[in-house]
Protein backbone atom coordinates (compact mmCIF):
# COMPACT_ATOMS: atom_id res chain seq x y z
CA UNK A 1 13.66 -12.11 26.08
CA UNK A 2 11.89 -13.20 22.91
CA UNK A 3 8.70 -11.96 24.37
CA UNK A 4 10.14 -8.49 24.94
CA UNK A 5 11.57 -8.54 21.29
CA UNK A 6 8.11 -9.47 20.06
CA UNK A 7 6.48 -6.65 22.03
CA UNK A 8 9.12 -4.07 20.72
CA UNK A 9 8.40 -5.36 17.11
CA UNK A 10 4.72 -5.04 17.51
CA UNK A 11 5.08 -1.58 18.90
CA UNK A 12 7.13 -0.30 16.04
CA UNK A 13 4.60 -1.80 13.41
CA UNK A 14 1.79 -0.27 15.26
CA UNK A 15 2.81 3.10 16.40
CA UNK A 16 5.84 4.21 14.17
CA UNK A 17 3.51 5.38 11.25
CA UNK A 18 1.30 7.22 13.70
CA UNK A 19 4.40 9.09 15.18
CA UNK A 20 6.23 10.00 11.98
CA UNK A 21 3.72 9.88 9.02
CA UNK A 22 0.96 12.60 8.93
CA UNK A 23 -1.34 12.42 5.98
CA UNK A 24 -4.54 13.84 4.97
CA UNK A 25 -7.71 12.61 6.73
CA UNK A 26 -10.15 10.76 4.41
CA UNK A 27 -13.62 12.22 4.91
CA UNK A 28 -16.97 10.99 3.66
CA UNK A 29 -19.79 13.71 3.45
CA UNK A 30 -23.14 11.87 3.11
CA UNK A 31 -26.09 13.62 1.41
CA UNK A 32 -28.44 15.27 4.00
CA UNK A 33 -31.64 13.41 3.44
CA UNK A 34 -35.18 15.06 3.27
CA UNK A 35 -36.55 12.52 5.65
CA UNK A 36 -40.30 13.02 4.95
CA UNK A 37 -39.74 13.59 1.19
CA UNK A 38 -41.58 16.91 1.50
CA UNK A 39 -41.39 18.20 -2.26
CA UNK A 40 -41.26 21.83 -1.17
CA UNK A 41 -37.85 21.40 0.59
CA UNK A 42 -36.22 18.79 -1.68
CA UNK A 43 -33.68 21.48 -2.76
CA UNK A 44 -32.23 21.56 0.80
CA UNK A 45 -30.69 18.18 0.28
CA UNK A 46 -28.14 19.86 -2.09
CA UNK A 47 -28.07 23.13 -0.17
CA UNK A 48 -27.18 21.82 3.19
CA UNK A 49 -24.70 19.14 1.86
CA UNK A 50 -22.90 21.83 -0.35
CA UNK A 51 -22.76 24.31 2.57
CA UNK A 52 -21.32 21.76 4.91
CA UNK A 53 -18.87 20.58 2.27
CA UNK A 54 -17.65 24.06 1.29
CA UNK A 55 -17.29 25.19 4.95
CA UNK A 56 -15.24 22.20 5.78
CA UNK A 57 -13.00 22.53 2.82
CA UNK A 58 -12.49 26.17 3.59
CA UNK A 59 -11.42 25.39 7.15
CA UNK A 60 -9.59 22.05 7.09
CA UNK A 61 -7.32 20.12 4.76
CA UNK A 62 -8.79 16.61 3.97
CA UNK A 63 -9.34 14.19 1.25
CA UNK A 64 -13.10 13.75 0.37
CA UNK A 65 -14.56 10.47 -0.99
CA UNK A 66 -16.59 11.46 -4.00
CA UNK A 67 -20.34 10.88 -3.77
CA UNK A 68 -20.40 8.56 -6.75
CA UNK A 69 -17.83 6.43 -5.21
CA UNK A 70 -19.35 5.91 -1.87
CA UNK A 71 -22.86 5.47 -3.52
CA UNK A 72 -21.50 2.68 -5.75
CA UNK A 73 -19.87 1.00 -2.74
CA UNK A 74 -23.10 1.09 -0.80
CA UNK A 75 -25.04 -0.41 -3.76
CA UNK A 76 -22.60 -3.31 -3.99
CA UNK A 77 -22.74 -4.03 -0.32
CA UNK A 78 -25.36 -6.59 0.68
CA UNK A 79 -25.98 -5.08 4.20
CA UNK A 80 -26.09 -1.36 3.23
CA UNK A 81 -28.96 0.47 1.55
CA UNK A 82 -28.14 3.86 -0.08
CA UNK A 83 -31.51 5.18 0.98
CA UNK A 84 -30.37 4.72 4.59
CA UNK A 85 -27.52 7.15 4.29
CA UNK A 86 -28.92 9.42 6.95
CA UNK A 87 -28.30 7.00 9.77
CA UNK A 88 -25.35 6.60 12.00
CA UNK A 89 -25.03 2.97 11.46
CA UNK A 90 -24.82 3.44 7.72
CA UNK A 91 -22.28 6.02 8.16
CA UNK A 92 -20.21 3.95 10.53
CA UNK A 93 -20.32 0.69 8.40
CA UNK A 94 -19.81 2.29 5.07
CA UNK A 95 -16.89 4.48 6.32
CA UNK A 96 -15.19 1.27 7.66
CA UNK A 97 -15.70 -0.50 4.45
CA UNK A 98 -14.45 2.46 2.51
CA UNK A 99 -11.51 2.87 4.92
CA UNK A 100 -12.45 6.59 5.69
CA UNK A 101 -11.41 8.39 8.72
CA UNK A 102 -14.37 10.82 9.30
CA UNK A 103 -17.98 10.65 8.26
CA UNK A 104 -20.39 13.51 8.23
CA UNK A 105 -24.09 13.10 7.49
CA UNK A 106 -27.66 13.79 8.76
CA UNK A 107 -31.19 14.44 7.77
CA UNK A 108 -33.85 17.17 8.08
CA UNK A 109 -37.69 17.39 8.43
CA UNK A 110 -40.26 19.97 7.61
CA UNK A 111 -42.53 20.25 10.73
CA UNK A 112 -44.89 22.61 12.46
CA UNK A 113 -43.33 23.96 15.66
CA UNK A 114 -45.64 23.63 18.63
CA UNK A 115 -43.67 25.97 20.88
CA UNK A 116 -42.23 29.36 20.19
CA UNK A 117 -38.59 29.89 20.27
CA UNK A 118 -36.06 32.47 19.33
CA UNK A 119 -36.90 33.58 15.78
CA UNK A 120 -39.73 30.95 15.51
CA UNK A 121 -43.61 31.37 16.21
CA UNK A 122 -45.59 28.65 17.50
CA UNK A 123 -47.58 26.96 14.73
CA UNK A 124 -45.20 28.00 12.02
CA UNK A 125 -43.27 25.57 9.68
CA UNK A 126 -39.72 25.09 10.57
CA UNK A 127 -36.80 22.79 9.41
CA UNK A 128 -35.45 20.48 11.99
CA UNK A 129 -32.06 19.20 10.99
CA UNK A 130 -30.06 16.51 12.71
CA UNK A 131 -26.32 16.15 12.05
CA UNK A 132 -23.65 13.59 13.17
CA UNK A 133 -19.81 13.59 12.82
CA UNK A 134 -18.25 10.12 13.17
CA UNK A 135 -14.69 9.03 13.89
CA UNK A 136 -14.48 5.71 11.95
CA UNK A 137 -11.06 4.54 13.31
CA UNK A 138 -12.20 4.99 16.99
CA UNK A 139 -15.72 3.94 16.12
CA UNK A 140 -17.23 6.77 18.08
CA UNK A 141 -19.59 9.70 17.75
CA UNK A 142 -17.47 12.92 17.67
CA UNK A 143 -20.52 15.10 17.77
CA UNK A 144 -24.43 14.80 17.20
CA UNK A 145 -26.75 17.69 17.48
CA UNK A 146 -30.13 19.12 16.35
CA UNK A 147 -30.86 22.51 14.86
CA UNK A 148 -34.17 24.21 14.25
CA UNK A 149 -34.29 26.64 11.16
CA UNK A 150 -37.18 28.83 10.28
CA UNK A 151 -38.87 27.93 6.91
CA UNK A 152 -38.88 31.47 5.72
CA UNK A 153 -36.59 34.07 4.00
CA UNK A 154 -33.94 33.63 6.63
CA UNK A 155 -33.58 29.86 5.95
CA UNK A 156 -30.33 30.20 3.81
CA UNK A 157 -28.71 32.14 6.53
CA UNK A 158 -29.60 29.41 8.97
CA UNK A 159 -28.23 26.77 6.62
CA UNK A 160 -24.83 28.67 6.89
CA UNK A 161 -25.02 28.65 10.58
CA UNK A 162 -25.60 24.94 10.47
CA UNK A 163 -22.51 24.39 8.29
CA UNK A 164 -20.44 26.57 10.68
CA UNK A 165 -21.68 24.48 13.58
CA UNK A 166 -20.47 21.29 11.74
CA UNK A 167 -16.96 23.07 11.25
CA UNK A 168 -16.90 23.74 15.04
CA UNK A 169 -17.62 20.09 15.90
CA UNK A 170 -15.29 18.63 13.46
CA UNK A 171 -12.37 20.82 14.69
CA UNK A 172 -11.19 18.19 17.08
CA UNK A 173 -10.64 15.50 14.47
CA UNK A 174 -9.57 17.52 11.33
CA UNK A 175 -6.42 19.50 10.79
CA UNK A 176 -6.68 23.14 10.07
CA UNK A 177 -5.78 24.49 6.67
CA UNK A 178 -2.06 24.31 6.09
CA UNK A 179 -1.38 22.58 9.33
CA UNK A 180 0.09 19.56 7.88
CA UNK A 181 2.31 21.44 5.36
CA UNK A 182 2.50 21.39 1.67
CA UNK A 183 4.16 17.99 1.62
CA UNK A 184 1.05 16.27 2.94
CA UNK A 185 -1.17 17.95 0.23
CA UNK A 186 1.20 16.97 -2.44
CA UNK A 187 1.41 13.36 -1.17
CA UNK A 188 -2.33 13.11 -1.42
CA UNK A 189 -2.20 13.35 -5.22
CA UNK A 190 -0.06 10.34 -5.60
CA UNK A 191 -1.50 6.99 -6.62
CA UNK A 192 -0.75 3.66 -5.04
CA UNK A 193 1.27 2.47 -8.00
CA UNK A 194 4.91 2.37 -7.97
CA UNK A 195 7.49 1.28 -10.51
CA UNK A 196 11.29 0.94 -10.32
CA UNK A 197 14.54 -0.48 -11.56
CA UNK A 198 17.12 -1.99 -9.36
CA UNK A 199 20.54 -3.51 -9.87
CA UNK A 200 22.55 -5.69 -7.41
CA UNK A 201 24.84 -8.50 -6.78
CA UNK A 202 24.62 -12.00 -5.19
CA UNK A 203 26.62 -11.32 -1.94
CA UNK A 204 26.56 -14.82 -0.29
CA UNK A 205 25.74 -18.51 -1.05
CA UNK A 206 24.40 -21.36 1.20
CA UNK A 207 26.10 -23.74 1.15
CA UNK A 208 29.38 -22.06 0.23
CA UNK A 209 30.40 -21.67 -3.41
CA UNK A 210 31.88 -24.79 -4.87
CA UNK A 211 35.68 -24.61 -4.73
CA UNK A 212 36.96 -28.18 -5.34
CA UNK A 213 38.08 -29.89 -8.63
CA UNK A 214 35.30 -30.03 -11.00
CA UNK A 215 34.07 -33.40 -12.62
CA UNK A 216 31.34 -33.81 -15.13
CA UNK A 217 29.29 -35.70 -12.53
CA UNK A 218 29.35 -32.88 -10.09
CA UNK A 219 25.88 -31.16 -9.52
CA UNK A 220 26.38 -27.42 -9.61
CA UNK A 221 23.89 -24.63 -9.09
CA UNK A 222 23.87 -20.90 -10.07
CA UNK A 223 24.90 -20.02 -6.55
CA UNK A 224 28.27 -21.61 -7.26
CA UNK A 225 29.03 -18.61 -9.53
CA UNK A 226 30.05 -15.82 -7.20
CA UNK A 227 28.86 -12.31 -7.34
CA UNK A 228 26.58 -12.58 -10.30
CA UNK A 229 25.16 -9.31 -11.43
CA UNK A 230 21.33 -8.74 -11.53
CA UNK A 231 18.93 -6.17 -13.09
CA UNK A 232 15.33 -6.05 -11.99
CA UNK A 233 12.20 -4.28 -12.79
CA UNK A 234 9.56 -3.78 -10.09
CA UNK A 235 5.91 -2.85 -9.65
CA UNK A 236 4.37 -2.17 -6.25
CA UNK A 237 0.82 -1.52 -5.17
CA UNK A 238 0.56 0.29 -1.84
CA UNK A 239 -2.31 0.08 0.53
CA UNK A 240 -3.29 -3.31 -0.72
CA UNK A 241 -6.35 -4.53 1.32
CA UNK A 242 -5.12 -2.75 4.33
CA UNK A 243 -3.22 0.59 4.95
CA UNK A 244 0.66 0.25 4.59
CA UNK A 245 0.26 -3.27 3.20
CA UNK A 246 1.84 -3.61 -0.25
CA UNK A 247 2.09 -6.23 -2.94
CA UNK A 248 4.80 -6.20 -5.52
CA UNK A 249 6.00 -8.14 -8.63
CA UNK A 250 9.69 -8.15 -9.57
CA UNK A 251 11.27 -9.60 -12.71
CA UNK A 252 14.80 -9.61 -13.66
CA UNK A 253 17.94 -11.43 -14.75
CA UNK A 254 21.26 -12.52 -13.25
CA UNK A 255 24.46 -13.08 -15.16
CA UNK A 256 27.81 -14.13 -14.09
CA UNK A 257 30.85 -16.41 -14.85
CA UNK A 258 33.57 -18.24 -13.00
CA UNK A 259 36.39 -20.57 -13.77
CA UNK A 260 36.41 -24.10 -12.22
CA UNK A 261 39.58 -26.03 -11.39
CA UNK A 262 39.97 -29.36 -13.01
CA UNK A 263 42.24 -32.18 -11.46
CA UNK A 264 45.41 -32.91 -13.52
CA UNK A 265 44.90 -29.88 -15.91
CA UNK A 266 46.43 -26.50 -15.37
CA UNK A 267 43.57 -25.00 -17.50
CA UNK A 268 40.08 -24.31 -16.24
CA UNK A 269 36.44 -24.80 -17.26
CA UNK A 270 34.55 -21.61 -17.84
CA UNK A 271 31.00 -21.58 -16.30
CA UNK A 272 28.49 -18.93 -17.30
CA UNK A 273 25.34 -18.50 -15.19
CA UNK A 274 22.06 -17.17 -16.46
CA UNK A 275 18.97 -16.79 -14.32
CA UNK A 276 15.57 -15.15 -15.30
CA UNK A 277 13.35 -14.80 -12.35
CA UNK A 278 9.79 -13.60 -11.60
CA UNK A 279 8.68 -13.08 -7.99
CA UNK A 280 5.80 -11.69 -5.95
CA UNK A 281 5.98 -10.36 -2.37
CA UNK A 282 3.93 -9.00 0.34
CA UNK A 283 5.37 -6.12 2.52
CA UNK A 284 4.40 -3.87 5.40
CA UNK A 285 5.57 -0.34 5.00
CA UNK A 286 6.83 1.56 8.18
CA UNK A 287 7.46 5.28 7.60
CA UNK A 288 9.74 7.44 9.56
CA UNK A 289 10.37 11.06 8.19
CA UNK A 290 11.75 10.53 4.75
CA UNK A 291 12.74 6.93 5.35
CA UNK A 292 10.56 3.89 4.94
CA UNK A 293 11.23 0.33 6.17
CA UNK A 294 9.43 -2.73 4.46
CA UNK A 295 9.91 -6.35 5.61
CA UNK A 296 9.07 -8.55 2.52
CA UNK A 297 8.07 -12.04 2.14
CA UNK A 298 7.17 -13.96 -1.07
CA UNK A 299 8.39 -16.41 -3.64
CA UNK A 300 8.59 -17.07 -7.40
CA UNK A 301 10.42 -19.21 -10.12
CA UNK A 302 13.76 -18.90 -11.72
CA UNK A 303 14.35 -20.09 -15.26
CA UNK A 304 18.13 -20.67 -15.00
CA UNK A 305 21.06 -22.63 -16.52
CA UNK A 306 24.80 -23.13 -16.17
CA UNK A 307 26.75 -23.26 -19.41
CA UNK A 308 30.16 -25.05 -19.18
CA UNK A 309 32.89 -24.48 -21.76
CA UNK A 310 35.36 -27.39 -21.93
CA UNK A 311 37.10 -26.14 -25.14
CA UNK A 312 40.02 -24.64 -23.13
CA UNK A 313 40.98 -27.92 -21.42
CA UNK A 314 43.99 -29.90 -22.55
CA UNK A 315 41.85 -33.12 -22.67
CA UNK A 316 38.16 -32.74 -23.33
CA UNK A 317 35.86 -34.89 -21.19
CA UNK A 318 33.63 -37.59 -22.78
CA UNK A 319 30.11 -38.49 -22.45
CA UNK A 320 28.57 -41.94 -21.79
CA UNK A 321 29.13 -42.99 -25.43
CA UNK A 322 32.74 -41.89 -25.47
CA UNK A 323 32.03 -38.83 -27.45
CA UNK A 324 34.15 -35.70 -26.54
CA UNK A 325 32.35 -32.75 -25.03
CA UNK A 326 33.24 -29.18 -25.86
CA UNK A 327 30.44 -27.85 -23.82
CA UNK A 328 27.60 -28.72 -21.59
CA UNK A 329 24.40 -26.98 -20.21
CA UNK A 330 23.06 -27.74 -16.63
CA UNK A 331 19.29 -26.88 -16.16
CA UNK A 332 19.15 -25.11 -12.78
CA UNK A 333 15.62 -23.89 -12.96
CA UNK A 334 13.67 -24.16 -9.75
CA UNK A 335 10.85 -22.50 -7.56
CA UNK A 336 12.09 -20.41 -4.72
CA UNK A 337 10.92 -18.61 -1.41
CA UNK A 338 12.56 -15.44 -0.27
CA UNK A 339 12.34 -12.73 2.32
CA UNK A 340 14.29 -9.66 3.32
CA UNK A 341 14.09 -5.91 4.12
CA UNK A 342 13.81 -2.94 1.84
CA UNK A 343 14.96 0.47 3.03
CA UNK A 344 13.74 3.47 1.17
CA UNK A 345 14.66 7.24 1.24
CA UNK A 346 12.02 9.73 -0.20
CA UNK A 347 13.99 12.17 -2.52
CA UNK A 348 10.75 13.81 -3.67
CA UNK A 349 7.10 12.88 -3.15
CA UNK A 350 7.43 10.63 -6.22
CA UNK A 351 10.99 9.70 -6.56
CA UNK A 352 12.56 7.22 -4.06
CA UNK A 353 16.03 5.73 -3.53
CA UNK A 354 15.79 2.21 -2.33
CA UNK A 355 18.23 -0.49 -1.18
CA UNK A 356 17.13 -4.02 -0.15
CA UNK A 357 18.58 -7.27 0.88
CA UNK A 358 16.82 -10.54 0.16
CA UNK A 359 17.48 -14.21 1.04
CA UNK A 360 16.40 -16.53 -1.83
CA UNK A 361 16.01 -20.33 -1.08
CA UNK A 362 15.74 -22.53 -4.26
CA UNK A 363 14.16 -25.83 -4.03
CA UNK A 364 15.47 -28.58 -6.25
CA UNK A 365 14.78 -32.32 -6.38
CA UNK A 366 16.98 -33.74 -3.65
CA UNK A 367 18.63 -30.32 -2.82
CA UNK A 368 17.92 -26.92 -1.56
CA UNK A 369 20.38 -24.04 -1.94
CA UNK A 370 20.31 -20.25 -1.11
CA UNK A 371 21.55 -16.94 -2.05
CA UNK A 372 21.80 -13.52 -0.37
CA UNK A 373 21.03 -10.81 -3.04
CA UNK A 374 21.70 -7.11 -2.44
CA UNK A 375 20.13 -4.51 -4.75
CA UNK A 376 19.65 -0.78 -5.02
CA UNK A 377 17.97 1.58 -7.35
CA UNK A 378 15.27 4.10 -7.92
CA UNK A 379 11.44 3.78 -7.81
CA UNK A 380 8.79 6.29 -8.84
CA UNK A 381 5.30 6.67 -7.46
CA UNK A 382 2.83 7.43 -10.23
């Protein structure tokens, strides 16, 4: 049974985003390299690259990684040389490092054609171009082909034919213009940064809330104040290290008060709880239509205290020296670990409604107590 449950969970984590969340493919277009560095045809490096780029953008919706970005990434990588950008291995490895979906690249050479062919005489100069289209996710070659172009006045028309051929070969891996809808286009402009504000309440305590008669030697914790109200500010960074993995930081405060029974006194002790906390979490986002689900796990530290007011009692308690106490403060600061689930609903591409439940376990010297905290609020993708 447990094995089946594990398989179901794994399947959800693996396939749900693919079934419900369509986003723009990330494409890297490498410079077409003048392999022999023939100075008479250096201009074709830009001409072929731009023709391919323009035709792809005219036909498909995708997000291109800028040349400066992939070039810097290659320079920083000890195993990649930018001057090798014309090779399939370079494209495959850099595409994987840059988390791209598709890589397009190639090279060309100015050579003397030995055999006559359509539009080309034997012994004349031609441009022989080699092109590859790679699917990085599947680590396979989508297409790889050669094209011979006459090195004469018809060369620019031949370059356009080459670009059209690239479009034809890329059709199997890139969505046509408008196919994904406007939402996917708008979502592509959104950064990985998300900020939000949440409010909530402590819904349950472990062990149960203290309900007996209070004495000054009784060790209490903030969980003994029921239904404390909390306000939190959050920052989340999406696609951290891997797609759908998020890291977030949440800081906030909880406040609450309760009245504690005292033996032999009809009046009660008022207890005020204050808890300032800072936590960090890792989460895995699972998207389904406008909904998102994110399991969270992390920890942090709470700077907390309980303030006890004895002034209402008929007889004030005394300390070890016999001095009457009108109040007392219990330090309840402690580190904690927590985990839970966040449920989000996308109102717009940037504005999201979120509710989440967390179980927080505090660790004290000689004791460990927990709280279930339920929160809800709005977050905004920048």
